[in-house]
Amino acid sequence: MDGEQVCRYLGISGRTLQRLRSDHVITYSAINRKLYYSLTEIRRVLKERSVRRKNQPKE
């Protein structure tokens, strides 16, 4: 997933995603100066940080 897809999936801003990277909360790969994130990594962050997507019901 690219950064834009991750932001939509998590319901966060690009700046928040940048902060997660800077704080070493989320790992990524850089290919031709574009950043990519694995779906497994996104799900891990969701689980560990309890980051909720928009419109996701509370458990």
PDB file of N, CA and C in Angstrom:
ATOM      1  N   MET A   1       0.846  -1.169   0.000  1.00  0.00           N
ATOM      2  CA  MET A   1       0.000   0.000   0.000  1.00  0.00           C
ATOM      3  C   MET A   1       0.892   1.233   0.000  1.00  0.00           C
ATOM      4  N   ASP A   2       0.451   2.264  -0.702  1.00  0.00           N
ATOM      5  CA  ASP A   2       1.224   3.500  -0.651  1.00  0.00           C
ATOM      6  C   ASP A   2       0.683   4.385   0.478  1.00  0.00           C
ATOM      7  N   GLY A   3       1.319   5.494   0.705  1.00  0.00           N
ATOM      8  CA  GLY A   3       0.962   6.367   1.823  1.00  0.00           C
ATOM      9  C   GLY A   3      -0.464   6.880   1.760  1.00  0.00           C
ATOM     10  N   GLU A   4      -0.921   7.229   0.574  1.00  0.00           N
ATOM     11  CA  GLU A   4      -2.281   7.738   0.421  1.00  0.00           C
ATOM     12  C   GLU A   4      -3.313   6.663   0.799  1.00  0.00           C
ATOM     13  N   GLN A   5      -3.071   5.445   0.367  1.00  0.00           N
ATOM     14  CA  GLN A   5      -3.969   4.338   0.705  1.00  0.00           C
ATOM     15  C   GLN A   5      -3.974   4.073   2.207  1.00  0.00           C
ATOM     16  N   VAL A   6      -2.799   4.139   2.818  1.00  0.00           N
ATOM     17  CA  VAL A   6      -2.691   3.915   4.262  1.00  0.00           C
ATOM     18  C   VAL A   6      -3.466   4.989   5.023  1.00  0.00           C
ATOM     19  N   CYS A   7      -3.322   6.224   4.619  1.00  0.00           N
ATOM     20  CA  CYS A   7      -4.035   7.325   5.280  1.00  0.00           C
ATOM     21  C   CYS A   7      -5.544   7.125   5.194  1.00  0.00           C
ATOM     22  N   ARG A   8      -6.030   6.753   4.016  1.00  0.00           N
ATOM     23  CA  ARG A   8      -7.471   6.500   3.865  1.00  0.00           C
ATOM     24  C   ARG A   8      -7.903   5.315   4.716  1.00  0.00           C
ATOM     25  N   TYR A   9      -7.122   4.246   4.716  1.00  0.00           N
ATOM     26  CA  TYR A   9      -7.453   3.030   5.465  1.00  0.00           C
ATOM     27  C   TYR A   9      -7.519   3.295   6.967  1.00  0.00           C
ATOM     28  N   LEU A  10      -6.549   4.061   7.470  1.00  0.00           N
ATOM     29  CA  LEU A  10      -6.487   4.340   8.907  1.00  0.00           C
ATOM     30  C   LEU A  10      -7.296   5.573   9.307  1.00  0.00           C
ATOM     31  N   GLY A  11      -7.676   6.378   8.317  1.00  0.00           N
ATOM     32  CA  GLY A  11      -8.401   7.607   8.629  1.00  0.00           C
ATOM     33  C   GLY A  11      -7.519   8.637   9.304  1.00  0.00           C
ATOM     34  N   ILE A  12      -6.265   8.734   8.828  1.00  0.00           N
ATOM     35  CA  ILE A  12      -5.304   9.673   9.402  1.00  0.00           C
ATOM     36  C   ILE A  12      -4.785  10.598   8.313  1.00  0.00           C
ATOM     37  N   SER A  13      -4.114  11.649   8.726  1.00  0.00           N
ATOM     38  CA  SER A  13      -3.524  12.588   7.769  1.00  0.00           C
ATOM     39  C   SER A  13      -2.135  12.107   7.351  1.00  0.00           C
ATOM     40  N   GLY A  14      -1.643  12.695   6.287  1.00  0.00           N
ATOM     41  CA  GLY A  14      -0.285  12.396   5.841  1.00  0.00           C
ATOM     42  C   GLY A  14       0.746  12.756   6.899  1.00  0.00           C
ATOM     43  N   ARG A  15       0.498  13.832   7.626  1.00  0.00           N
ATOM     44  CA  ARG A  15       1.421  14.258   8.692  1.00  0.00           C
ATOM     45  C   ARG A  15       1.456  13.237   9.818  1.00  0.00           C
ATOM     46  N   THR A  16       0.301  12.673  10.158  1.00  0.00           N
ATOM     47  CA  THR A  16       0.264  11.644  11.205  1.00  0.00           C
ATOM     48  C   THR A  16       1.038  10.410  10.757  1.00  0.00           C
ATOM     49  N   LEU A  17       0.890  10.033   9.496  1.00  0.00           N
ATOM     50  CA  LEU A  17       1.643   8.892   8.969  1.00  0.00           C
ATOM     51  C   LEU A  17       3.141   9.189   9.019  1.00  0.00           C
ATOM     52  N   GLN A  18       3.513  10.415   8.685  1.00  0.00           N
ATOM     53  CA  GLN A  18       4.924  10.811   8.757  1.00  0.00           C
ATOM     54  C   GLN A  18       5.437  10.694  10.190  1.00  0.00           C
ATOM     55  N   ARG A  19       4.626  11.114  11.155  1.00  0.00           N
ATOM     56  CA  ARG A  19       5.032  11.019  12.558  1.00  0.00           C
ATOM     57  C   ARG A  19       5.191   9.556  12.986  1.00  0.00           C
ATOM     58  N   LEU A  20       4.306   8.685  12.532  1.00  0.00           N
ATOM     59  CA  LEU A  20       4.431   7.260  12.853  1.00  0.00           C
ATOM     60  C   LEU A  20       5.737   6.703  12.299  1.00  0.00           C
ATOM     61  N   ARG A  21       6.112   7.143  11.107  1.00  0.00           N
ATOM     62  CA  ARG A  21       7.401   6.715  10.536  1.00  0.00           C
ATOM     63  C   ARG A  21       8.560   7.268  11.343  1.00  0.00           C
ATOM     64  N   SER A  22       8.530   8.558  11.642  1.00  0.00           N
ATOM     65  CA  SER A  22       9.620   9.222  12.377  1.00  0.00           C
ATOM     66  C   SER A  22       9.818   8.636  13.766  1.00  0.00           C
ATOM     67  N   ASP A  23       8.714   8.235  14.393  1.00  0.00           N
ATOM     68  CA  ASP A  23       8.768   7.636  15.732  1.00  0.00           C
ATOM     69  C   ASP A  23       9.051   6.138  15.696  1.00  0.00           C
ATOM     70  N   HIS A  24       9.304   5.612  14.499  1.00  0.00           N
ATOM     71  CA  HIS A  24       9.609   4.187  14.310  1.00  0.00           C
ATOM     72  C   HIS A  24       8.482   3.279  14.788  1.00  0.00           C
ATOM     73  N   VAL A  25       7.251   3.734  14.634  1.00  0.00           N
ATOM     74  CA  VAL A  25       6.080   2.946  15.001  1.00  0.00           C
ATOM     75  C   VAL A  25       5.706   2.026  13.854  1.00  0.00           C
ATOM     76  N   ILE A  26       5.920   2.476  12.632  1.00  0.00           N
ATOM     77  CA  ILE A  26       5.520   1.726  11.453  1.00  0.00           C
ATOM     78  C   ILE A  26       6.716   1.597  10.518  1.00  0.00           C
ATOM     79  N   THR A  27       6.878   0.414   9.953  1.00  0.00           N
ATOM     80  CA  THR A  27       7.975   0.202   9.007  1.00  0.00           C
ATOM     81  C   THR A  27       7.457   0.396   7.591  1.00  0.00           C
ATOM     82  N   TYR A  28       8.375   0.690   6.694  1.00  0.00           N
ATOM     83  CA  TYR A  28       8.017   0.954   5.310  1.00  0.00           C
ATOM     84  C   TYR A  28       9.187   0.607   4.413  1.00  0.00           C
ATOM     85  N   SER A  29       8.919   0.539   3.128  1.00  0.00           N
ATOM     86  CA  SER A  29       9.945   0.338   2.120  1.00  0.00           C
ATOM     87  C   SER A  29       9.913   1.523   1.176  1.00  0.00           C
ATOM     88  N   ALA A  30      11.068   1.952   0.737  1.00  0.00           N
ATOM     89  CA  ALA A  30      11.155   3.058  -0.211  1.00  0.00           C
ATOM     90  C   ALA A  30      11.645   2.516  -1.548  1.00  0.00           C
ATOM     91  N   ILE A  31      10.834   2.742  -2.581  1.00  0.00           N
ATOM     92  CA  ILE A  31      11.190   2.319  -3.934  1.00  0.00           C
ATOM     93  C   ILE A  31      11.030   3.527  -4.836  1.00  0.00           C
ATOM     94  N   ASN A  32      12.117   3.924  -5.474  1.00  0.00           N
ATOM     95  CA  ASN A  32      12.104   5.112  -6.341  1.00  0.00           C
ATOM     96  C   ASN A  32      11.505   6.322  -5.632  1.00  0.00           C
ATOM     97  N   ARG A  33      11.919   6.558  -4.412  1.00  0.00           N
ATOM     98  CA  ARG A  33      11.497   7.697  -3.588  1.00  0.00           C
ATOM     99  C   ARG A  33      10.015   7.686  -3.218  1.00  0.00           C
ATOM    100  N   LYS A  34       9.342   6.564  -3.408  1.00  0.00           N
ATOM    101  CA  LYS A  34       7.950   6.447  -2.984  1.00  0.00           C
ATOM    102  C   LYS A  34       7.907   5.421  -1.854  1.00  0.00           C
ATOM    103  N   LEU A  35       7.104   5.704  -0.821  1.00  0.00           N
ATOM    104  CA  LEU A  35       7.055   4.843   0.351  1.00  0.00           C
ATOM    105  C   LEU A  35       5.884   3.875   0.259  1.00  0.00           C
ATOM    106  N   TYR A  36       6.145   2.646   0.674  1.00  0.00           N
ATOM    107  CA  TYR A  36       5.131   1.599   0.657  1.00  0.00           C
ATOM    108  C   TYR A  36       5.086   0.906   2.004  1.00  0.00           C
ATOM    109  N   TYR A  37       3.896   0.410   2.351  1.00  0.00           N
ATOM    110  CA  TYR A  37       3.651  -0.228   3.635  1.00  0.00           C
ATOM    111  C   TYR A  37       2.946  -1.551   3.377  1.00  0.00           C
ATOM    112  N   SER A  38       3.292  -2.578   4.149  1.00  0.00           N
ATOM    113  CA  SER A  38       2.612  -3.863   3.982  1.00  0.00           C
ATOM    114  C   SER A  38       1.303  -3.859   4.767  1.00  0.00           C
ATOM    115  N   LEU A  39       0.327  -4.582   4.265  1.00  0.00           N
ATOM    116  CA  LEU A  39      -0.957  -4.678   4.942  1.00  0.00           C
ATOM    117  C   LEU A  39      -0.779  -5.325   6.310  1.00  0.00           C
ATOM    118  N   THR A  40       0.125  -6.272   6.422  1.00  0.00           N
ATOM    119  CA  THR A  40       0.411  -6.910   7.703  1.00  0.00           C
ATOM    120  C   THR A  40       0.904  -5.884   8.715  1.00  0.00           C
ATOM    121  N   GLU A  41       1.763  -4.978   8.270  1.00  0.00           N
ATOM    122  CA  GLU A  41       2.290  -3.933   9.148  1.00  0.00           C
ATOM    123  C   GLU A  41       1.186  -2.973   9.578  1.00  0.00           C
ATOM    124  N   ILE A  42       0.326  -2.613   8.653  1.00  0.00           N
ATOM    125  CA  ILE A  42      -0.784  -1.711   8.971  1.00  0.00           C
ATOM    126  C   ILE A  42      -1.698  -2.356  10.012  1.00  0.00           C
ATOM    127  N   ARG A  43      -1.995  -3.623   9.830  1.00  0.00           N
ATOM    128  CA  ARG A  43      -2.851  -4.328  10.791  1.00  0.00           C
ATOM    129  C   ARG A  43      -2.190  -4.431  12.160  1.00  0.00           C
ATOM    130  N   ARG A  44      -0.863  -4.621  12.184  1.00  0.00           N
ATOM    131  CA  ARG A  44      -0.139  -4.682  13.453  1.00  0.00           C
ATOM    132  C   ARG A  44      -0.259  -3.356  14.199  1.00  0.00           C
ATOM    133  N   VAL A  45      -0.080  -2.266  13.482  1.00  0.00           N
ATOM    134  CA  VAL A  45      -0.182  -0.943  14.101  1.00  0.00           C
ATOM    135  C   VAL A  45      -1.595  -0.726  14.626  1.00  0.00           C
ATOM    136  N   LEU A  46      -2.588  -1.107  13.843  1.00  0.00           N
ATOM    137  CA  LEU A  46      -3.975  -0.974  14.292  1.00  0.00           C
ATOM    138  C   LEU A  46      -4.190  -1.720  15.605  1.00  0.00           C
ATOM    139  N   LYS A  47      -3.699  -2.940  15.660  1.00  0.00           N
ATOM    140  CA  LYS A  47      -3.889  -3.763  16.852  1.00  0.00           C
ATOM    141  C   LYS A  47      -3.115  -3.219  18.056  1.00  0.00           C
ATOM    142  N   GLU A  48      -1.856  -2.886  17.857  1.00  0.00           N
ATOM    143  CA  GLU A  48      -1.001  -2.448  18.963  1.00  0.00           C
ATOM    144  C   GLU A  48      -1.331  -1.038  19.456  1.00  0.00           C
ATOM    145  N   ARG A  49      -1.690  -0.169  18.573  1.00  0.00           N
ATOM    146  CA  ARG A  49      -1.913   1.224  18.929  1.00  0.00           C
ATOM    147  C   ARG A  49      -3.386   1.579  19.072  1.00  0.00           C
ATOM    148  N   SER A  50      -4.245   0.642  18.759  1.00  0.00           N
ATOM    149  CA  SER A  50      -5.693   0.871  18.808  1.00  0.00           C
ATOM    150  C   SER A  50      -6.080   2.093  17.991  1.00  0.00           C
ATOM    151  N   VAL A  51      -5.417   2.254  16.868  1.00  0.00           N
ATOM    152  CA  VAL A  51      -5.775   3.301  15.926  1.00  0.00           C
ATOM    153  C   VAL A  51      -7.017   2.812  15.205  1.00  0.00           C
ATOM    154  N   ARG A  52      -8.062   3.607  15.216  1.00  0.00           N
ATOM    155  CA  ARG A  52      -9.315   3.181  14.597  1.00  0.00           C
ATOM    156  C   ARG A  52      -9.533   3.889  13.264  1.00  0.00           C
ATOM    157  N   ARG A  53     -10.034   3.117  12.325  1.00  0.00           N
ATOM    158  CA  ARG A  53     -10.420   3.687  11.042  1.00  0.00           C
ATOM    159  C   ARG A  53     -11.710   4.462  11.222  1.00  0.00           C
ATOM    160  N   LYS A  54     -11.928   5.420  10.361  1.00  0.00           N
ATOM    161  CA  LYS A  54     -13.201   6.143  10.372  1.00  0.00           C
ATOM    162  C   LYS A  54     -14.306   5.151  10.015  1.00  0.00           C
ATOM    163  N   ASN A  55     -15.454   5.310  10.656  1.00  0.00           N
ATOM    164  CA  ASN A  55     -16.626   4.483  10.422  1.00  0.00           C
ATOM    165  C   ASN A  55     -16.470   3.046  10.916  1.00  0.00           C
ATOM    166  N   GLN A  56     -15.417   2.762  11.658  1.00  0.00           N
ATOM    167  CA  GLN A  56     -15.259   1.427  12.213  1.00  0.00           C
ATOM    168  C   GLN A  56     -15.980   1.369  13.536  1.00  0.00           C
ATOM    169  N   PRO A  57     -16.879   0.395  13.721  1.00  0.00           N
ATOM    170  CA  PRO A  57     -17.604   0.306  14.995  1.00  0.00           C
ATOM    171  C   PRO A  57     -16.670  -0.043  16.151  1.00  0.00           C
ATOM    172  N   LYS A  58     -16.994   0.487  17.310  1.00  0.00           N
ATOM    173  CA  LYS A  58     -16.208   0.173  18.498  1.00  0.00           C
ATOM    174  C   LYS A  58     -16.558  -1.247  18.939  1.00  0.00           C
ATOM    175  N   GLU A  59     -15.558  -1.941  19.464  1.00  0.00           N
ATOM    176  CA  GLU A  59     -15.770  -3.316  19.920  1.00  0.00           C
ATOM    177  C   GLU A  59     -16.193  -3.341  21.364  1.00  0.00           C
TER     178      GLU A  59
END
